[in-house]
Amino acid sequence: MTVTDTGSSIVVIVVVVVVAAAAAAVEVVVIVVVVVVVVLVVIAIVVEVEVVAAIVVVVVAVVVVVVVVVVVVVVLVVAALSFKV
């Protein structure tokens, strides 16, 4: 029983840490995205058309990064839960 309890505790700790790390990562990504978008919008107002393409590229890149982060988090959580079994 002690081993099982310890195993469950470890899994819970791992899941909590992973979720906390994911939340921190998402928060950082959001802050970076906001800053980058604001900077690009200011540049776009000054420089105009060409930068709009850059904004689109950055937005697409950010979406890809966020999706990758979410997938990694899900995989880690599933792995942690599988480890319990």
PDB file of N, CA and C in Angstrom:
ATOM      1  N   MET A   1       0.834  -1.209   0.000  1.00  0.00           N
ATOM      2  CA  MET A   1       0.000   0.000   0.000  1.00  0.00           C
ATOM      3  C   MET A   1       0.870   1.261   0.000  1.00  0.00           C
ATOM      4  N   THR A   2       1.955   1.213   0.758  1.00  0.00           N
ATOM      5  CA  THR A   2       2.821   2.389   0.869  1.00  0.00           C
ATOM      6  C   THR A   2       3.417   2.742  -0.492  1.00  0.00           C
ATOM      7  N   VAL A   3       3.864   1.723  -1.221  1.00  0.00           N
ATOM      8  CA  VAL A   3       4.454   1.953  -2.542  1.00  0.00           C
ATOM      9  C   VAL A   3       3.428   2.575  -3.476  1.00  0.00           C
ATOM     10  N   THR A   4       2.204   2.048  -3.460  1.00  0.00           N
ATOM     11  CA  THR A   4       1.138   2.574  -4.321  1.00  0.00           C
ATOM     12  C   THR A   4       0.826   4.025  -3.961  1.00  0.00           C
ATOM     13  N   ASP A   5       0.728   4.301  -2.676  1.00  0.00           N
ATOM     14  CA  ASP A   5       0.454   5.678  -2.232  1.00  0.00           C
ATOM     15  C   ASP A   5       1.556   6.620  -2.688  1.00  0.00           C
ATOM     16  N   THR A   6       2.800   6.170  -2.529  1.00  0.00           N
ATOM     17  CA  THR A   6       3.944   6.979  -2.957  1.00  0.00           C
ATOM     18  C   THR A   6       3.888   7.215  -4.457  1.00  0.00           C
ATOM     19  N   GLY A   7       3.582   6.177  -5.222  1.00  0.00           N
ATOM     20  CA  GLY A   7       3.469   6.293  -6.681  1.00  0.00           C
ATOM     21  C   GLY A   7       2.400   7.290  -7.073  1.00  0.00           C
ATOM     22  N   SER A   8       1.251   7.209  -6.427  1.00  0.00           N
ATOM     23  CA  SER A   8       0.155   8.136  -6.711  1.00  0.00           C
ATOM     24  C   SER A   8       0.557   9.565  -6.372  1.00  0.00           C
ATOM     25  N   SER A   9       1.227   9.724  -5.239  1.00  0.00           N
ATOM     26  CA  SER A   9       1.677  11.059  -4.828  1.00  0.00           C
ATOM     27  C   SER A   9       2.636  11.636  -5.855  1.00  0.00           C
ATOM     28  N   ILE A  10       3.568  10.811  -6.323  1.00  0.00           N
ATOM     29  CA  ILE A  10       4.538  11.261  -7.333  1.00  0.00           C
ATOM     30  C   ILE A  10       3.804  11.701  -8.593  1.00  0.00           C
ATOM     31  N   VAL A  11       2.832  10.910  -9.035  1.00  0.00           N
ATOM     32  CA  VAL A  11       2.062  11.244 -10.240  1.00  0.00           C
ATOM     33  C   VAL A  11       1.340  12.565 -10.054  1.00  0.00           C
ATOM     34  N   VAL A  12       0.711  12.742  -8.898  1.00  0.00           N
ATOM     35  CA  VAL A  12      -0.015  13.991  -8.618  1.00  0.00           C
ATOM     36  C   VAL A  12       0.943  15.168  -8.662  1.00  0.00           C
ATOM     37  N   ILE A  13       2.109  15.009  -8.021  1.00  0.00           N
ATOM     38  CA  ILE A  13       3.118  16.076  -8.007  1.00  0.00           C
ATOM     39  C   ILE A  13       3.565  16.398  -9.428  1.00  0.00           C
ATOM     40  N   VAL A  14       3.842  15.354 -10.215  1.00  0.00           N
ATOM     41  CA  VAL A  14       4.279  15.541 -11.606  1.00  0.00           C
ATOM     42  C   VAL A  14       3.224  16.292 -12.404  1.00  0.00           C
ATOM     43  N   VAL A  15       1.960  15.877 -12.275  1.00  0.00           N
ATOM     44  CA  VAL A  15       0.869  16.519 -13.009  1.00  0.00           C
ATOM     45  C   VAL A  15       0.746  17.986 -12.606  1.00  0.00           C
ATOM     46  N   VAL A  16       0.815  18.260 -11.301  1.00  0.00           N
ATOM     47  CA  VAL A  16       0.712  19.633 -10.812  1.00  0.00           C
ATOM     48  C   VAL A  16       1.855  20.483 -11.365  1.00  0.00           C
ATOM     49  N   VAL A  17       3.070  19.944 -11.313  1.00  0.00           N
ATOM     50  CA  VAL A  17       4.238  20.670 -11.823  1.00  0.00           C
ATOM     51  C   VAL A  17       4.095  20.934 -13.317  1.00  0.00           C
ATOM     52  N   VAL A  18       3.671  19.906 -14.061  1.00  0.00           N
ATOM     53  CA  VAL A  18       3.508  20.055 -15.510  1.00  0.00           C
ATOM     54  C   VAL A  18       2.459  21.110 -15.830  1.00  0.00           C
ATOM     55  N   VAL A  19       1.332  21.060 -15.140  1.00  0.00           N
ATOM     56  CA  VAL A  19       0.261  22.035 -15.372  1.00  0.00           C
ATOM     57  C   VAL A  19       0.730  23.446 -15.019  1.00  0.00           C
ATOM     58  N   ALA A  20       1.445  23.574 -13.895  1.00  0.00           N
ATOM     59  CA  ALA A  20       1.972  24.881 -13.488  1.00  0.00           C
ATOM     60  C   ALA A  20       2.962  25.407 -14.524  1.00  0.00           C
ATOM     61  N   ALA A  21       3.837  24.523 -14.987  1.00  0.00           N
ATOM     62  CA  ALA A  21       4.822  24.909 -15.999  1.00  0.00           C
ATOM     63  C   ALA A  21       4.119  25.321 -17.290  1.00  0.00           C
ATOM     64  N   ALA A  22       3.091  24.573 -17.660  1.00  0.00           N
ATOM     65  CA  ALA A  22       2.338  24.885 -18.876  1.00  0.00           C
ATOM     66  C   ALA A  22       1.670  26.252 -18.744  1.00  0.00           C
ATOM     67  N   ALA A  23       1.078  26.501 -17.585  1.00  0.00           N
ATOM     68  CA  ALA A  23       0.421  27.786 -17.349  1.00  0.00           C
ATOM     69  C   ALA A  23       1.429  28.927 -17.448  1.00  0.00           C
ATOM     70  N   ALA A  24       2.601  28.734 -16.848  1.00  0.00           N
ATOM     71  CA  ALA A  24       3.657  29.753 -16.902  1.00  0.00           C
ATOM     72  C   ALA A  24       4.106  29.963 -18.343  1.00  0.00           C
ATOM     73  N   ALA A  25       4.288  28.851 -19.079  1.00  0.00           N
ATOM     74  CA  ALA A  25       4.732  28.941 -20.475  1.00  0.00           C
ATOM     75  C   ALA A  25       3.708  29.687 -21.323  1.00  0.00           C
ATOM     76  N   VAL A  26       2.431  29.350 -21.133  1.00  0.00           N
ATOM     77  CA  VAL A  26       1.365  30.008 -21.892  1.00  0.00           C
ATOM     78  C   VAL A  26       1.330  31.499 -21.566  1.00  0.00           C
ATOM     79  N   GLU A  27       1.495  31.814 -20.279  1.00  0.00           N
ATOM     80  CA  GLU A  27       1.496  33.220 -19.858  1.00  0.00           C
ATOM     81  C   GLU A  27       2.630  33.984 -20.540  1.00  0.00           C
ATOM     82  N   VAL A  28       3.817  33.402 -20.538  1.00  0.00           N
ATOM     83  CA  VAL A  28       4.976  34.022 -21.185  1.00  0.00           C
ATOM     84  C   VAL A  28       4.722  34.200 -22.677  1.00  0.00           C
ATOM     85  N   VAL A  29       4.188  33.157 -23.312  1.00  0.00           N
ATOM     86  CA  VAL A  29       3.899  33.216 -24.751  1.00  0.00           C
ATOM     87  C   VAL A  29       2.915  34.346 -25.043  1.00  0.00           C
ATOM     88  N   VAL A  30       1.861  34.444 -24.227  1.00  0.00           N
ATOM     89  CA  VAL A  30       0.850  35.490 -24.430  1.00  0.00           C
ATOM     90  C   VAL A  30       1.475  36.874 -24.304  1.00  0.00           C
ATOM     91  N   ILE A  31       2.300  37.067 -23.270  1.00  0.00           N
ATOM     92  CA  ILE A  31       2.962  38.366 -23.068  1.00  0.00           C
ATOM     93  C   ILE A  31       3.845  38.700 -24.267  1.00  0.00           C
ATOM     94  N   VAL A  32       4.637  37.738 -24.697  1.00  0.00           N
ATOM     95  CA  VAL A  32       5.530  37.942 -25.849  1.00  0.00           C
ATOM     96  C   VAL A  32       4.719  38.274 -27.094  1.00  0.00           C
ATOM     97  N   VAL A  33       3.625  37.529 -27.312  1.00  0.00           N
ATOM     98  CA  VAL A  33       2.771  37.760 -28.482  1.00  0.00           C
ATOM     99  C   VAL A  33       2.216  39.180 -28.462  1.00  0.00           C
ATOM    100  N   VAL A  34       1.704  39.606 -27.307  1.00  0.00           N
ATOM    101  CA  VAL A  34       1.135  40.951 -27.194  1.00  0.00           C
ATOM    102  C   VAL A  34       2.183  42.004 -27.511  1.00  0.00           C
ATOM    103  N   VAL A  35       3.360  41.865 -26.916  1.00  0.00           N
ATOM    104  CA  VAL A  35       4.439  42.828 -27.150  1.00  0.00           C
ATOM    105  C   VAL A  35       4.823  42.859 -28.623  1.00  0.00           C
ATOM    106  N   VAL A  36       5.026  41.677 -29.208  1.00  0.00           N
ATOM    107  CA  VAL A  36       5.427  41.589 -30.620  1.00  0.00           C
ATOM    108  C   VAL A  36       4.367  42.204 -31.526  1.00  0.00           C
ATOM    109  N   VAL A  37       3.103  41.870 -31.272  1.00  0.00           N
ATOM    110  CA  VAL A  37       2.014  42.396 -32.101  1.00  0.00           C
ATOM    111  C   VAL A  37       1.948  43.922 -31.994  1.00  0.00           C
ATOM    112  N   VAL A  38       2.061  44.446 -30.766  1.00  0.00           N
ATOM    113  CA  VAL A  38       2.025  45.901 -30.587  1.00  0.00           C
ATOM    114  C   VAL A  38       3.167  46.558 -31.356  1.00  0.00           C
ATOM    115  N   VAL A  39       4.369  46.011 -31.204  1.00  0.00           N
ATOM    116  CA  VAL A  39       5.529  46.556 -31.915  1.00  0.00           C
ATOM    117  C   VAL A  39       5.310  46.499 -33.425  1.00  0.00           C
ATOM    118  N   LEU A  40       4.820  45.367 -33.909  1.00  0.00           N
ATOM    119  CA  LEU A  40       4.601  45.219 -35.358  1.00  0.00           C
ATOM    120  C   LEU A  40       3.516  46.171 -35.857  1.00  0.00           C
ATOM    121  N   VAL A  41       2.480  46.377 -35.069  1.00  0.00           N
ATOM    122  CA  VAL A  41       1.417  47.309 -35.466  1.00  0.00           C
ATOM    123  C   VAL A  41       1.974  48.720 -35.569  1.00  0.00           C
ATOM    124  N   VAL A  42       2.781  49.107 -34.589  1.00  0.00           N
ATOM    125  CA  VAL A  42       3.409  50.441 -34.631  1.00  0.00           C
ATOM    126  C   VAL A  42       4.284  50.566 -35.879  1.00  0.00           C
ATOM    127  N   ILE A  43       5.092  49.528 -36.125  1.00  0.00           N
ATOM    128  CA  ILE A  43       5.955  49.536 -37.318  1.00  0.00           C
ATOM    129  C   ILE A  43       5.095  49.598 -38.584  1.00  0.00           C
ATOM    130  N   ALA A  44       4.005  48.837 -38.604  1.00  0.00           N
ATOM    131  CA  ALA A  44       3.127  48.798 -39.772  1.00  0.00           C
ATOM    132  C   ALA A  44       2.533  50.173 -40.047  1.00  0.00           C
ATOM    133  N   ILE A  45       2.179  50.895 -38.972  1.00  0.00           N
ATOM    134  CA  ILE A  45       1.624  52.239 -39.142  1.00  0.00           C
ATOM    135  C   ILE A  45       2.670  53.161 -39.767  1.00  0.00           C
ATOM    136  N   VAL A  46       3.920  52.992 -39.345  1.00  0.00           N
ATOM    137  CA  VAL A  46       5.002  53.838 -39.857  1.00  0.00           C
ATOM    138  C   VAL A  46       5.429  53.403 -41.256  1.00  0.00           C
ATOM    139  N   VAL A  47       5.679  52.119 -41.424  1.00  0.00           N
ATOM    140  CA  VAL A  47       6.260  51.611 -42.681  1.00  0.00           C
ATOM    141  C   VAL A  47       5.201  51.210 -43.700  1.00  0.00           C
ATOM    142  N   GLU A  48       4.024  50.828 -43.211  1.00  0.00           N
ATOM    143  CA  GLU A  48       2.871  50.422 -44.005  1.00  0.00           C
ATOM    144  C   GLU A  48       2.954  48.995 -44.540  1.00  0.00           C
ATOM    145  N   VAL A  49       2.540  48.800 -45.801  1.00  0.00           N
ATOM    146  CA  VAL A  49       2.073  47.514 -46.335  1.00  0.00           C
ATOM    147  C   VAL A  49       2.984  46.308 -46.092  1.00  0.00           C
ATOM    148  N   GLU A  50       4.266  46.403 -46.352  1.00  0.00           N
ATOM    149  CA  GLU A  50       5.137  45.231 -46.300  1.00  0.00           C
ATOM    150  C   GLU A  50       5.124  44.544 -44.932  1.00  0.00           C
ATOM    151  N   VAL A  51       4.962  45.330 -43.889  1.00  0.00           N
ATOM    152  CA  VAL A  51       5.015  44.782 -42.541  1.00  0.00           C
ATOM    153  C   VAL A  51       3.769  43.959 -42.222  1.00  0.00           C
ATOM    154  N   VAL A  52       2.680  44.226 -42.913  1.00  0.00           N
ATOM    155  CA  VAL A  52       1.454  43.445 -42.687  1.00  0.00           C
ATOM    156  C   VAL A  52       1.728  41.968 -42.942  1.00  0.00           C
ATOM    157  N   ALA A  53       2.490  41.684 -43.986  1.00  0.00           N
ATOM    158  CA  ALA A  53       2.879  40.296 -44.279  1.00  0.00           C
ATOM    159  C   ALA A  53       3.684  39.719 -43.117  1.00  0.00           C
ATOM    160  N   ALA A  54       4.581  40.526 -42.569  1.00  0.00           N
ATOM    161  CA  ALA A  54       5.384  40.078 -41.425  1.00  0.00           C
ATOM    162  C   ALA A  54       4.490  39.764 -40.232  1.00  0.00           C
ATOM    163  N   ILE A  55       3.472  40.611 -40.010  1.00  0.00           N
ATOM    164  CA  ILE A  55       2.533  40.381 -38.907  1.00  0.00           C
ATOM    165  C   ILE A  55       1.827  39.040 -39.093  1.00  0.00           C
ATOM    166  N   VAL A  56       1.381  38.774 -40.307  1.00  0.00           N
ATOM    167  CA  VAL A  56       0.693  37.511 -40.602  1.00  0.00           C
ATOM    168  C   VAL A  56       1.619  36.336 -40.301  1.00  0.00           C
ATOM    169  N   VAL A  57       2.874  36.424 -40.745  1.00  0.00           N
ATOM    170  CA  VAL A  57       3.851  35.355 -40.515  1.00  0.00           C
ATOM    171  C   VAL A  57       4.057  35.134 -39.017  1.00  0.00           C
ATOM    172  N   VAL A  58       4.213  36.230 -38.272  1.00  0.00           N
ATOM    173  CA  VAL A  58       4.424  36.129 -36.830  1.00  0.00           C
ATOM    174  C   VAL A  58       3.215  35.502 -36.142  1.00  0.00           C
ATOM    175  N   VAL A  59       2.024  35.932 -36.518  1.00  0.00           N
ATOM    176  CA  VAL A  59       0.805  35.385 -35.914  1.00  0.00           C
ATOM    177  C   VAL A  59       0.710  33.883 -36.168  1.00  0.00           C
ATOM    178  N   VAL A  60       0.974  33.474 -37.408  1.00  0.00           N
ATOM    179  CA  VAL A  60       0.951  32.044 -37.746  1.00  0.00           C
ATOM    180  C   VAL A  60       1.990  31.295 -36.913  1.00  0.00           C
ATOM    181  N   ALA A  61       3.196  31.856 -36.816  1.00  0.00           N
ATOM    182  CA  ALA A  61       4.258  31.225 -36.033  1.00  0.00           C
ATOM    183  C   ALA A  61       3.843  31.084 -34.566  1.00  0.00           C
ATOM    184  N   VAL A  62       3.240  32.126 -34.023  1.00  0.00           N
ATOM    185  CA  VAL A  62       2.796  32.104 -32.622  1.00  0.00           C
ATOM    186  C   VAL A  62       1.731  31.038 -32.417  1.00  0.00           C
ATOM    187  N   VAL A  63       0.784  30.951 -33.327  1.00  0.00           N
ATOM    188  CA  VAL A  63      -0.263  29.927 -33.225  1.00  0.00           C
ATOM    189  C   VAL A  63       0.360  28.536 -33.226  1.00  0.00           C
ATOM    190  N   VAL A  64       1.324  28.322 -34.117  1.00  0.00           N
ATOM    191  CA  VAL A  64       2.013  27.025 -34.177  1.00  0.00           C
ATOM    192  C   VAL A  64       2.703  26.729 -32.849  1.00  0.00           C
ATOM    193  N   VAL A  65       3.405  27.718 -32.290  1.00  0.00           N
ATOM    194  CA  VAL A  65       4.105  27.532 -31.011  1.00  0.00           C
ATOM    195  C   VAL A  65       3.119  27.175 -29.903  1.00  0.00           C
ATOM    196  N   VAL A  66       2.007  27.903 -29.837  1.00  0.00           N
ATOM    197  CA  VAL A  66       1.000  27.631 -28.799  1.00  0.00           C
ATOM    198  C   VAL A  66       0.445  26.215 -28.946  1.00  0.00           C
ATOM    199  N   VAL A  67       0.144  25.804 -30.175  1.00  0.00           N
ATOM    200  CA  VAL A  67      -0.372  24.454 -30.418  1.00  0.00           C
ATOM    201  C   VAL A  67       0.652  23.413 -29.976  1.00  0.00           C
ATOM    202  N   VAL A  68       1.920  23.635 -30.320  1.00  0.00           N
ATOM    203  CA  VAL A  68       2.975  22.697 -29.930  1.00  0.00           C
ATOM    204  C   VAL A  68       3.074  22.601 -28.412  1.00  0.00           C
ATOM    205  N   VAL A  69       3.027  23.745 -27.732  1.00  0.00           N
ATOM    206  CA  VAL A  69       3.087  23.756 -26.264  1.00  0.00           C
ATOM    207  C   VAL A  69       1.925  22.960 -25.676  1.00  0.00           C
ATOM    208  N   VAL A  70       0.720  23.196 -26.189  1.00  0.00           N
ATOM    209  CA  VAL A  70      -0.461  22.486 -25.695  1.00  0.00           C
ATOM    210  C   VAL A  70      -0.325  20.986 -25.918  1.00  0.00           C
ATOM    211  N   VAL A  71       0.133  20.593 -27.107  1.00  0.00           N
ATOM    212  CA  VAL A  71       0.301  19.161 -27.417  1.00  0.00           C
ATOM    213  C   VAL A  71       1.325  18.532 -26.475  1.00  0.00           C
ATOM    214  N   VAL A  72       2.450  19.219 -26.256  1.00  0.00           N
ATOM    215  CA  VAL A  72       3.480  18.696 -25.359  1.00  0.00           C
ATOM    216  C   VAL A  72       2.926  18.513 -23.951  1.00  0.00           C
ATOM    217  N   VAL A  73       2.179  19.502 -23.479  1.00  0.00           N
ATOM    218  CA  VAL A  73       1.586  19.423 -22.138  1.00  0.00           C
ATOM    219  C   VAL A  73       0.636  18.235 -22.047  1.00  0.00           C
ATOM    220  N   VAL A  74      -0.213  18.078 -23.042  1.00  0.00           N
ATOM    221  CA  VAL A  74      -1.166  16.960 -23.047  1.00  0.00           C
ATOM    222  C   VAL A  74      -0.420  15.630 -23.035  1.00  0.00           C
ATOM    223  N   VAL A  75       0.619  15.526 -23.863  1.00  0.00           N
ATOM    224  CA  VAL A  75       1.407  14.289 -23.914  1.00  0.00           C
ATOM    225  C   VAL A  75       2.051  14.006 -22.561  1.00  0.00           C
ATOM    226  N   LEU A  76       2.610  15.045 -21.927  1.00  0.00           N
ATOM    227  CA  LEU A  76       3.251  14.859 -20.618  1.00  0.00           C
ATOM    228  C   LEU A  76       2.242  14.427 -19.561  1.00  0.00           C
ATOM    229  N   VAL A  77       1.057  15.038 -19.572  1.00  0.00           N
ATOM    230  CA  VAL A  77       0.021  14.670 -18.600  1.00  0.00           C
ATOM    231  C   VAL A  77      -0.428  13.234 -18.817  1.00  0.00           C
ATOM    232  N   VAL A  78      -0.658  12.864 -20.076  1.00  0.00           N
ATOM    233  CA  VAL A  78      -1.063  11.491 -20.394  1.00  0.00           C
ATOM    234  C   VAL A  78       0.030  10.512 -19.973  1.00  0.00           C
ATOM    235  N   ALA A  79       1.298  10.864 -20.250  1.00  0.00           N
ATOM    236  CA  ALA A  79       2.420  10.013 -19.858  1.00  0.00           C
ATOM    237  C   ALA A  79       2.468   9.849 -18.333  1.00  0.00           C
ATOM    238  N   ALA A  80       2.243  10.959 -17.624  1.00  0.00           N
ATOM    239  CA  ALA A  80       2.255  10.918 -16.159  1.00  0.00           C
ATOM    240  C   ALA A  80       1.136  10.020 -15.635  1.00  0.00           C
ATOM    241  N   LEU A  81      -0.034  10.143 -16.241  1.00  0.00           N
ATOM    242  CA  LEU A  81      -1.172   9.321 -15.812  1.00  0.00           C
ATOM    243  C   LEU A  81      -0.949   7.859 -16.167  1.00  0.00           C
ATOM    244  N   SER A  82      -0.319   7.594 -17.323  1.00  0.00           N
ATOM    245  CA  SER A  82      -0.013   6.227 -17.735  1.00  0.00           C
ATOM    246  C   SER A  82       1.004   5.619 -16.775  1.00  0.00           C
ATOM    247  N   PHE A  83       1.961   6.446 -16.321  1.00  0.00           N
ATOM    248  CA  PHE A  83       2.997   5.988 -15.402  1.00  0.00           C
ATOM    249  C   PHE A  83       2.378   5.460 -14.114  1.00  0.00           C
ATOM    250  N   LYS A  84       1.249   6.052 -13.735  1.00  0.00           N
ATOM    251  CA  LYS A  84       0.546   5.620 -12.526  1.00  0.00           C
ATOM    252  C   LYS A  84       0.145   4.160 -12.641  1.00  0.00           C
ATOM    253  N   VAL A  85      -0.300   3.738 -13.826  1.00  0.00           N
ATOM    254  CA  VAL A  85      -0.716   2.361 -14.063  1.00  0.00           C
ATOM    255  C   VAL A  85       0.524   1.506 -14.253  1.00  0.00           C
TER     256      VAL A  85
END
